[in-house]
Amino acid sequence: MPTKVNVVLDDDVKADLDRLVKSGMRSRVINTALRREMLILRRQRASRRLDELRKTTKAVSTPELVKRIRQDRDR
């Protein structure tokens, strides 16, 4: 169920929103923009986590990696 929230927009952002998006569509545009931004943030967080994990594990060659993937698929 949708929830109403109060947010503060910069004046230029609000002006662009009013000018570019017709009334009745603004919530949808804002929701879409927030979903995209949150996806970017989740991916950045996951990437940082992978970078940290990469520091604590030993490297695996491409042939070894392919072998392990094939073994896993055969399970």
Protein backbone atom coordinates (compact mmCIF):
# COMPACT_ATOMS: atom_id res chain seq x y z
CA MET A 1 0.00 0.00 0.00
CA PRO A 2 1.43 3.42 -0.89
CA THR A 3 2.63 5.64 1.92
CA LYS A 4 2.74 9.42 1.88
CA VAL A 5 6.04 10.96 2.96
CA ASN A 6 7.39 14.47 3.19
CA VAL A 7 10.66 15.20 1.43
CA VAL A 8 12.57 18.39 0.77
CA LEU A 9 13.59 19.06 -2.82
CA ASP A 10 16.07 21.64 -3.99
CA ASP A 11 14.35 24.53 -5.76
CA ASP A 12 15.88 23.67 -9.13
CA VAL A 13 14.83 20.01 -8.85
CA LYS A 14 11.27 21.00 -7.95
CA ALA A 15 11.12 23.48 -10.84
CA ASP A 16 12.31 20.83 -13.30
CA LEU A 17 9.87 18.29 -11.89
CA ASP A 18 6.99 20.73 -12.28
CA ARG A 19 8.08 21.73 -15.78
CA LEU A 20 8.90 18.27 -17.16
CA VAL A 21 6.42 15.94 -15.46
CA LYS A 22 2.70 16.46 -15.64
CA SER A 23 0.64 16.44 -12.49
CA GLY A 24 -0.47 12.96 -11.53
CA MET A 25 2.77 11.38 -12.78
CA ARG A 26 5.24 12.94 -10.35
CA SER A 27 5.02 10.22 -7.70
CA ARG A 28 5.65 7.57 -10.33
CA VAL A 29 8.68 9.45 -11.68
CA ILE A 30 10.10 9.95 -8.19
CA ASN A 31 9.52 6.28 -7.28
CA THR A 32 11.25 5.15 -10.47
CA ALA A 33 14.21 7.46 -9.87
CA LEU A 34 14.56 6.28 -6.27
CA ARG A 35 14.40 2.61 -7.29
CA ARG A 36 17.18 3.18 -9.84
CA GLU A 37 19.33 5.04 -7.35
CA MET A 38 18.83 2.39 -4.66
CA LEU A 39 19.77 -0.33 -7.15
CA ILE A 40 23.00 1.57 -7.88
CA LEU A 41 23.69 1.87 -4.15
CA ARG A 42 23.04 -1.88 -3.59
CA ARG A 43 25.37 -2.77 -6.46
CA GLN A 44 28.09 -0.46 -5.13
CA ARG A 45 27.77 -2.04 -1.69
CA ALA A 46 27.97 -5.54 -3.16
CA SER A 47 30.99 -4.55 -5.25
CA ARG A 48 32.79 -3.20 -2.19
CA ARG A 49 31.99 -6.42 -0.34
CA LEU A 50 33.37 -8.51 -3.21
CA ASP A 51 36.53 -6.38 -3.22
CA GLU A 52 36.96 -7.09 0.49
CA LEU A 53 36.38 -10.83 0.00
CA ARG A 54 38.83 -10.84 -2.90
CA LYS A 55 41.56 -9.65 -0.52
CA THR A 56 41.04 -12.68 1.74
CA THR A 57 40.85 -15.45 -0.86
CA LYS A 58 43.43 -16.92 -3.19
CA ALA A 59 43.18 -16.38 -6.92
CA VAL A 60 41.78 -19.13 -9.14
CA SER A 61 42.81 -19.56 -12.76
CA THR A 62 40.22 -19.37 -15.51
CA PRO A 63 40.51 -23.10 -16.39
CA GLU A 64 40.11 -24.02 -12.71
CA LEU A 65 37.12 -21.72 -12.40
CA VAL A 66 35.46 -23.26 -15.46
CA LYS A 67 36.12 -26.73 -14.05
CA ARG A 68 34.52 -25.83 -10.72
CA ILE A 69 31.47 -24.28 -12.40
CA ARG A 70 30.97 -27.40 -14.53
CA GLN A 71 31.28 -29.62 -11.47
CA ASP A 72 28.72 -27.52 -9.66
CA ARG A 73 26.29 -27.70 -12.57
CA ASP A 74 26.58 -31.50 -12.62
CA ARG A 75 25.30 -31.78 -9.05
